[in-house]
C-alpha atoms as a PDB file:
ATOM      1  CA  MET A   1      15.112 -16.086  -4.491  1.00  0.00           C
ATOM      2  CA  THR A   2      13.425 -15.789  -1.076  1.00  0.00           C
ATOM      3  CA  THR A   3       9.617 -15.456  -1.173  1.00  0.00           C
ATOM      4  CA  SER A   4       7.019 -15.067   1.600  1.00  0.00           C
ATOM      5  CA  ALA A   5       3.247 -14.540   1.672  1.00  0.00           C
ATOM      6  CA  TYR A   6       1.193 -12.515   4.163  1.00  0.00           C
ATOM      7  CA  TYR A   7      -2.384 -11.720   5.064  1.00  0.00           C
ATOM      8  CA  LEU A   8      -3.152  -8.071   5.862  1.00  0.00           C
ATOM      9  CA  ALA A   9      -6.480  -6.663   7.061  1.00  0.00           C
ATOM     10  CA  ALA A  10      -7.508  -3.028   7.544  1.00  0.00           C
ATOM     11  CA  PRO A  11     -11.090  -2.240   8.628  1.00  0.00           C
ATOM     12  CA  ILE A  12     -11.001   1.230   7.031  1.00  0.00           C
ATOM     13  CA  THR A  13      -8.548   2.790   4.612  1.00  0.00           C
ATOM     14  CA  SER A  14      -8.304   5.079   1.608  1.00  0.00           C
ATOM     15  CA  PHE A  15      -5.990   5.086  -1.386  1.00  0.00           C
ATOM     16  CA  ARG A  16      -6.314   8.676  -2.493  1.00  0.00           C
ATOM     17  CA  SER A  17      -6.289   9.182  -6.235  1.00  0.00           C
ATOM     18  CA  PRO A  18      -3.214  11.194  -7.332  1.00  0.00           C
ATOM     19  CA  TRP A  19      -5.556  13.371  -9.393  1.00  0.00           C
ATOM     20  CA  ALA A  20      -8.021  14.116  -6.574  1.00  0.00           C
ATOM     21  CA  ARG A  21      -8.305  17.758  -5.543  1.00  0.00           C
ATOM     22  CA  GLU A  22     -11.336  19.078  -3.634  1.00  0.00           C
ATOM     23  CA  TYR A  23     -13.143  15.732  -3.570  1.00  0.00           C
ATOM     24  CA  PHE A  24     -10.804  13.084  -2.127  1.00  0.00           C
ATOM     25  CA  GLU A  25     -11.785  10.009  -4.125  1.00  0.00           C
ATOM     26  CA  THR A  26     -10.143   6.661  -3.432  1.00  0.00           C
ATOM     27  CA  LEU A  27      -8.594   4.187  -5.812  1.00  0.00           C
ATOM     28  CA  LEU A  28     -10.365   0.825  -5.665  1.00  0.00           C
ATOM     29  CA  ALA A  29      -7.155  -1.186  -5.278  1.00  0.00           C
ATOM     30  CA  PRO A  30      -4.037  -0.630  -3.162  1.00  0.00           C
ATOM     31  CA  PRO A  31      -1.132   0.962  -5.068  1.00  0.00           C
ATOM     32  CA  PRO A  32       2.105  -1.056  -4.853  1.00  0.00           C
ATOM     33  CA  ALA A  33       3.852   2.071  -3.520  1.00  0.00           C
ATOM     34  CA  THR A  34       1.388   2.232  -0.602  1.00  0.00           C
ATOM     35  CA  VAL A  35       1.778  -1.448   0.269  1.00  0.00           C
ATOM     36  CA  TYR A  36       5.569  -1.116   0.118  1.00  0.00           C
ATOM     37  CA  GLY A  37       5.370   1.813   2.548  1.00  0.00           C
ATOM     38  CA  ALA A  38       3.257  -0.225   4.963  1.00  0.00           C
ATOM     39  CA  LEU A  39       5.769  -3.085   4.879  1.00  0.00           C
ATOM     40  CA  LEU A  40       8.638  -0.678   5.551  1.00  0.00           C
ATOM     41  CA  SER A  41       6.698   0.616   8.550  1.00  0.00           C
ATOM     42  CA  ALA A  42       6.125  -2.963   9.722  1.00  0.00           C
ATOM     43  CA  VAL A  43       9.892  -3.508   9.986  1.00  0.00           C
ATOM     44  CA  GLY A  44      10.616  -0.018  11.340  1.00  0.00           C
ATOM     45  CA  GLU A  45      12.510   1.195   8.267  1.00  0.00           C
ATOM     46  CA  PRO A  46      12.187   4.992   7.721  1.00  0.00           C
ATOM     47  CA  ASN A  47      14.239   5.135   4.501  1.00  0.00           C
ATOM     48  CA  ARG A  48      12.259   3.900   1.511  1.00  0.00           C
ATOM     49  CA  LEU A  49      15.394   3.854  -0.664  1.00  0.00           C
ATOM     50  CA  VAL A  50      16.972   1.032   1.343  1.00  0.00           C
ATOM     51  CA  HIS A  51      14.952  -1.834  -0.140  1.00  0.00           C
ATOM     52  CA  GLN A  52      14.503  -0.683  -3.730  1.00  0.00           C
ATOM     53  CA  GLY A  53      14.262  -3.663  -6.050  1.00  0.00           C
ATOM     54  CA  THR A  54      11.922  -5.587  -3.742  1.00  0.00           C
ATOM     55  CA  GLU A  55       9.125  -7.286  -5.682  1.00  0.00           C
ATOM     56  CA  LEU A  56       5.506  -7.456  -4.492  1.00  0.00           C
ATOM     57  CA  ALA A  57       2.383  -9.259  -5.692  1.00  0.00           C
ATOM     58  CA  ILE A  58      -0.877  -7.933  -4.237  1.00  0.00           C
ATOM     59  CA  GLY A  59      -4.307  -9.551  -4.254  1.00  0.00           C
ATOM     60  CA  LEU A  60      -7.711  -8.556  -2.877  1.00  0.00           C
ATOM     61  CA  LEU A  61      -9.356 -11.230  -0.732  1.00  0.00           C
ATOM     62  CA  SER A  62     -12.369  -9.017   0.001  1.00  0.00           C
ATOM     63  CA  GLN A  63     -14.757  -6.847  -1.969  1.00  0.00           C
ATOM     64  CA  PRO A  64     -14.340  -3.547  -0.075  1.00  0.00           C
ATOM     65  CA  THR A  65     -17.329  -1.251   0.332  1.00  0.00           C
ATOM     66  CA  ARG A  66     -16.797   2.344  -0.766  1.00  0.00           C
ATOM     67  CA  VAL A  67     -18.293   4.961   1.579  1.00  0.00           C
ATOM     68  CA  ARG A  68     -18.151   8.745   1.770  1.00  0.00           C
ATOM     69  CA  ILE A  69     -17.494  10.906   4.838  1.00  0.00           C
ATOM     70  CA  PHE A  70     -17.433  14.652   5.519  1.00  0.00           C
ATOM     71  CA  ARG A  71     -14.271  15.810   7.278  1.00  0.00           C
ATOM     72  CA  THR A  72     -11.883  18.721   7.736  1.00  0.00           C
ATOM     73  CA  LEU A  73      -9.060  18.636   5.205  1.00  0.00           C
ATOM     74  CA  TRP A  74      -5.788  20.516   5.229  1.00  0.00           C
ATOM     75  CA  ARG A  75      -4.513  22.391   2.190  1.00  0.00           C
ATOM     76  CA  VAL A  76      -2.022  25.179   1.569  1.00  0.00           C
ATOM     77  CA  LYS A  77      -3.858  28.279   0.366  1.00  0.00           C
ATOM     78  CA  ASP A  78      -1.834  30.824   2.330  1.00  0.00           C
ATOM     79  CA  PRO A  79       1.809  29.922   3.156  1.00  0.00           C
ATOM     80  CA  ARG A  80       1.852  32.625   5.827  1.00  0.00           C
ATOM     81  CA  VAL A  81      -0.792  30.779   7.857  1.00  0.00           C
ATOM     82  CA  PRO A  82       0.048  27.567   9.800  1.00  0.00           C
ATOM     83  CA  LEU A  83      -1.280  24.270   8.452  1.00  0.00           C
ATOM     84  CA  GLY A  84      -4.779  23.509   9.658  1.00  0.00           C
ATOM     85  CA  HIS A  85      -5.617  27.160  10.367  1.00  0.00           C
ATOM     86  CA  GLY A  86      -7.684  29.773   8.581  1.00  0.00           C
ATOM     87  CA  GLU A  87      -7.665  29.361   4.805  1.00  0.00           C
ATOM     88  CA  ASN A  88      -5.512  26.252   5.125  1.00  0.00           C
ATOM     89  CA  ARG A  89      -8.399  24.126   6.335  1.00  0.00           C
ATOM     90  CA  ARG A  90     -11.850  23.431   4.930  1.00  0.00           C
ATOM     91  CA  PRO A  91     -14.549  20.772   5.221  1.00  0.00           C
ATOM     92  CA  ASP A  92     -14.888  18.423   2.276  1.00  0.00           C
ATOM     93  CA  PHE A  93     -15.820  14.894   1.245  1.00  0.00           C
ATOM     94  CA  GLN A  94     -13.501  11.897   1.313  1.00  0.00           C
ATOM     95  CA  GLU A  95     -14.085   8.369   0.092  1.00  0.00           C
ATOM     96  CA  LEU A  96     -13.059   5.405   2.247  1.00  0.00           C
ATOM     97  CA  LEU A  97     -12.869   1.663   1.664  1.00  0.00           C
ATOM     98  CA  VAL A  98     -14.351  -0.590   4.354  1.00  0.00           C
ATOM     99  CA  ASP A  99     -13.139  -4.166   4.976  1.00  0.00           C
ATOM    100  CA  VAL A 100      -9.886  -4.340   3.033  1.00  0.00           C
ATOM    101  CA  ARG A 101      -8.270  -7.783   3.212  1.00  0.00           C
ATOM    102  CA  LEU A 102      -5.159  -8.448   1.167  1.00  0.00           C
ATOM    103  CA  VAL A 103      -2.758 -11.229   0.353  1.00  0.00           C
ATOM    104  CA  ILE A 104       0.757  -9.905  -0.220  1.00  0.00           C
ATOM    105  CA  HIS A 105       3.564 -11.971  -1.690  1.00  0.00           C
ATOM    106  CA  ILE A 106       7.048 -10.509  -1.356  1.00  0.00           C
ATOM    107  CA  ARG A 107      10.314 -11.687  -2.890  1.00  0.00           C
ATOM    108  CA  THR A 108      13.870 -10.399  -2.863  1.00  0.00           C
ATOM    109  CA  GLY A 109      14.039  -9.365  -6.513  1.00  0.00           C
ATOM    110  CA  ALA A 110      16.868  -6.846  -6.882  1.00  0.00           C
ATOM    111  CA  ASP A 111      16.895  -5.820  -3.203  1.00  0.00           C
ATOM    112  CA  SER A 112      20.630  -5.822  -2.455  1.00  0.00           C
ATOM    113  CA  HIS A 113      20.355  -4.707   1.166  1.00  0.00           C
ATOM    114  CA  GLN A 114      21.393  -7.207   3.833  1.00  0.00           C
ATOM    115  CA  PRO A 115      19.163  -8.458   5.237  1.00  0.00           C
ATOM    116  CA  PRO A 116      16.598  -7.896   2.453  1.00  0.00           C
ATOM    117  CA  LEU A 117      13.086  -6.698   3.237  1.00  0.00           C
ATOM    118  CA  VAL A 118      11.602 -10.176   2.841  1.00  0.00           C
ATOM    119  CA  ASP A 119      13.830 -11.470   5.667  1.00  0.00           C
ATOM    120  CA  ARG A 120      13.292  -8.423   7.873  1.00  0.00           C
ATOM    121  CA  LEU A 121       9.530  -8.755   7.482  1.00  0.00           C
ATOM    122  CA  ARG A 122       9.607 -12.405   8.440  1.00  0.00           C
ATOM    123  CA  SER A 123      11.516 -11.535  11.619  1.00  0.00           C
ATOM    124  CA  ALA A 124       9.274  -8.559  12.432  1.00  0.00           C
ATOM    125  CA  VAL A 125       6.080 -10.602  12.147  1.00  0.00           C
ATOM    126  CA  ALA A 126       7.559 -13.407  14.253  1.00  0.00           C
ATOM    127  CA  GLN A 127       8.865 -10.990  16.922  1.00  0.00           C
ATOM    128  CA  PRO A 128       6.882  -7.724  16.720  1.00  0.00           C
ATOM    129  CA  ALA A 129       8.287  -6.492  20.044  1.00  0.00           C
ATOM    130  CA  SER A 130      11.725  -6.285  18.421  1.00  0.00           C
ATOM    131  CA  VAL A 131      10.601  -3.562  15.962  1.00  0.00           C
ATOM    132  CA  GLU A 132      11.174   0.122  16.720  1.00  0.00           C
ATOM    133  CA  ARG A 133       8.993   2.580  14.795  1.00  0.00           C
ATOM    134  CA  TRP A 134       6.993   5.771  15.214  1.00  0.00           C
ATOM    135  CA  GLY A 135       3.275   5.170  15.692  1.00  0.00           C
ATOM    136  CA  ALA A 136       1.051   2.219  14.885  1.00  0.00           C
ATOM    137  CA  LEU A 137       1.067   0.244  11.644  1.00  0.00           C
ATOM    138  CA  ALA A 138      -1.212   1.813   9.036  1.00  0.00           C
ATOM    139  CA  LEU A 139      -2.221   1.256   5.416  1.00  0.00           C
ATOM    140  CA  GLY A 140      -2.708   4.589   3.657  1.00  0.00           C
ATOM    141  CA  GLU A 141      -3.212   7.480   6.080  1.00  0.00           C
ATOM    142  CA  SER A 142      -1.688   7.219   9.553  1.00  0.00           C
ATOM    143  CA  SER A 143      -5.176   6.973  11.090  1.00  0.00           C
ATOM    144  CA  HIS A 144      -6.115   3.969   8.916  1.00  0.00           C
ATOM    145  CA  LEU A 145      -4.710   1.288  11.184  1.00  0.00           C
ATOM    146  CA  VAL A 146      -3.908  -2.270  10.191  1.00  0.00           C
ATOM    147  CA  ASP A 147      -5.926  -4.793  12.182  1.00  0.00           C
ATOM    148  CA  GLU A 148      -3.835  -7.858  11.341  1.00  0.00           C
ATOM    149  CA  LEU A 149      -0.584  -8.716   9.562  1.00  0.00           C
ATOM    150  CA  ARG A 150       0.494 -12.356   9.656  1.00  0.00           C
ATOM    151  CA  PRO A 151       1.848 -15.110   7.412  1.00  0.00           C
ATOM    152  CA  LEU A 152      -0.649 -16.596   4.974  1.00  0.00           C
ATOM    153  CA  ARG A 153      -1.864 -19.907   6.387  1.00  0.00           C
ATOM    154  CA  ALA A 154      -1.697 -23.197   4.518  1.00  0.00           C
ATOM    155  CA  ALA A 155      -5.495 -23.451   4.602  1.00  0.00           C
ATOM    156  CA  GLU A 156      -5.768 -20.068   2.846  1.00  0.00           C
ATOM    157  CA  VAL A 157      -3.615 -20.655  -0.235  1.00  0.00           C
ATOM    158  CA  HIS A 158      -6.611 -21.855  -2.277  1.00  0.00           C
ATOM    159  CA  LEU A 159      -8.875 -18.922  -1.370  1.00  0.00           C
ATOM    160  CA  PRO A 160     -10.188 -16.963  -4.373  1.00  0.00           C
ATOM    161  CA  VAL A 161      -8.416 -13.660  -4.870  1.00  0.00           C
ATOM    162  CA  ARG A 162      -8.382 -10.821  -7.392  1.00  0.00           C
ATOM    163  CA  TRP A 163      -4.763 -10.194  -8.300  1.00  0.00           C
ATOM    164  CA  LEU A 164      -3.521  -6.774  -9.269  1.00  0.00           C
ATOM    165  CA  VAL A 165      -1.817  -7.512 -12.591  1.00  0.00           C
ATOM    166  CA  GLN A 166       0.025  -5.307 -15.051  1.00  0.00           C
ATOM    167  CA  ASP A 167      -1.851  -4.769 -18.300  1.00  0.00           C
ATOM    168  CA  ASP A 168      -1.290  -1.893 -20.732  1.00  0.00           C
ATOM    169  CA  ARG A 169      -5.030  -1.862 -21.434  1.00  0.00           C
ATOM    170  CA  GLY A 170      -6.086  -2.050 -17.783  1.00  0.00           C
ATOM    171  CA  SER A 171      -8.354   0.597 -16.262  1.00  0.00           C
ATOM    172  CA  LEU A 172      -6.302   1.184 -13.096  1.00  0.00           C
ATOM    173  CA  ALA A 173      -3.299   3.540 -13.136  1.00  0.00           C
ATOM    174  CA  LEU A 174      -1.487   2.926  -9.842  1.00  0.00           C
ATOM    175  CA  PRO A 175       1.734   4.447  -8.460  1.00  0.00           C
ATOM    176  CA  VAL A 176       4.583   1.985  -8.022  1.00  0.00           C
ATOM    177  CA  TRP A 177       7.005   4.674  -6.842  1.00  0.00           C
ATOM    178  CA  VAL A 178       6.083   8.173  -5.643  1.00  0.00           C
ATOM    179  CA  ASP A 179       8.198  11.291  -6.063  1.00  0.00           C
ATOM    180  CA  HIS A 180       7.362  13.362  -2.973  1.00  0.00           C
ATOM    181  CA  VAL A 181       9.206  16.422  -4.319  1.00  0.00           C
ATOM    182  CA  GLY A 182       7.203  17.375  -7.386  1.00  0.00           C
ATOM    183  CA  SER A 183       5.975  14.460  -9.483  1.00  0.00           C
ATOM    184  CA  ALA A 184       8.528  13.998 -12.268  1.00  0.00           C
ATOM    185  CA  GLY A 185       9.948  10.851 -10.681  1.00  0.00           C
ATOM    186  CA  THR A 186       6.609   9.174  -9.915  1.00  0.00           C
ATOM    187  CA  LYS A 187       6.211   5.809 -11.677  1.00  0.00           C
ATOM    188  CA  PHE A 188       2.795   4.428 -12.613  1.00  0.00           C
ATOM    189  CA  ALA A 189       1.718   0.997 -13.820  1.00  0.00           C
ATOM    190  CA  GLN A 190      -1.415   0.328 -15.840  1.00  0.00           C
ATOM    191  CA  CYS A 191      -3.254  -2.517 -14.125  1.00  0.00           C
ATOM    192  CA  LYS A 192      -6.390  -4.597 -13.925  1.00  0.00           C
ATOM    193  CA  LEU A 193      -7.791  -7.169 -11.480  1.00  0.00           C
ATOM    194  CA  ALA A 194      -7.574 -10.846 -12.456  1.00  0.00           C
ATOM    195  CA  GLU A 195      -9.109 -13.866 -10.722  1.00  0.00           C
ATOM    196  CA  GLY A 196      -6.801 -16.421  -9.136  1.00  0.00           C
ATOM    197  CA  THR A 197      -5.918 -18.167  -5.886  1.00  0.00           C
ATOM    198  CA  ALA A 198      -4.139 -16.690  -2.879  1.00  0.00           C
ATOM    199  CA  GLY A 199      -1.111 -18.956  -2.987  1.00  0.00           C
ATOM    200  CA  ASN A 200      -0.267 -18.596  -6.662  1.00  0.00           C
ATOM    201  CA  PRO A 201       0.281 -15.069  -8.012  1.00  0.00           C
ATOM    202  CA  PRO A 202       0.726 -14.931 -11.808  1.00  0.00           C
ATOM    203  CA  GLU A 203       4.024 -13.573 -13.094  1.00  0.00           C
ATOM    204  CA  ASN A 204       2.427 -10.320 -14.305  1.00  0.00           C
ATOM    205  CA  ALA A 205       1.212  -9.678 -10.736  1.00  0.00           C
ATOM    206  CA  TRP A 206       4.766  -8.930  -9.582  1.00  0.00           C
ATOM    207  CA  PHE A 207       5.785  -5.278  -9.249  1.00  0.00           C
ATOM    208  CA  ARG A 208       9.400  -4.221  -8.800  1.00  0.00           C
ATOM    209  CA  ILE A 209       9.570  -1.285  -6.390  1.00  0.00           C
ATOM    210  CA  GLY A 210      12.026   1.513  -7.103  1.00  0.00           C
ATOM    211  CA  ARG A 211      12.868   4.644  -9.049  1.00  0.00           C
ATOM    212  CA  ASP A 212      14.439   2.803 -11.991  1.00  0.00           C
END
């Protein structure tokens, strides 16, 4: 099974809680579904169904700072009014995370597409000019740009990391797959953070991405 490891850094991002309404609070760890979306964007793949079965292990190399901003948010109060106008916009608070640095391990898993995402990502990082996509690479919202995405270096494999691991008694409920039409098909995993090293994700840190 093909496996690769990457370092990803985003100066500012937000992982909006699925239960947030007026106050846009952020989750304190990146959901596997969000990281998968960023990797699809990195290879220029618009169809998230293509690489279902891919497996990811995600670790936090940094201790992000949580901050709060006041901004204009869009919402649908009146379907007769365009988005961002009148009742469909209002100022509100949003939480952000500052200095997010991740280690991401990716392996083929049950990804049957040829080439699989792990191979496409390796090629995209080696030759970024070969990738066609819309907009810049982001983690979370489209304005939360990724500062760096590169292979994990040999000197970094022993760095301390907090792995996102699956644990039925964990305090973090994170989406692994998001149903964008309603929510019936959204899959969550109960998780916690566990200490480890960047080059060695534990087996319960691996998340299989997909609807099934």
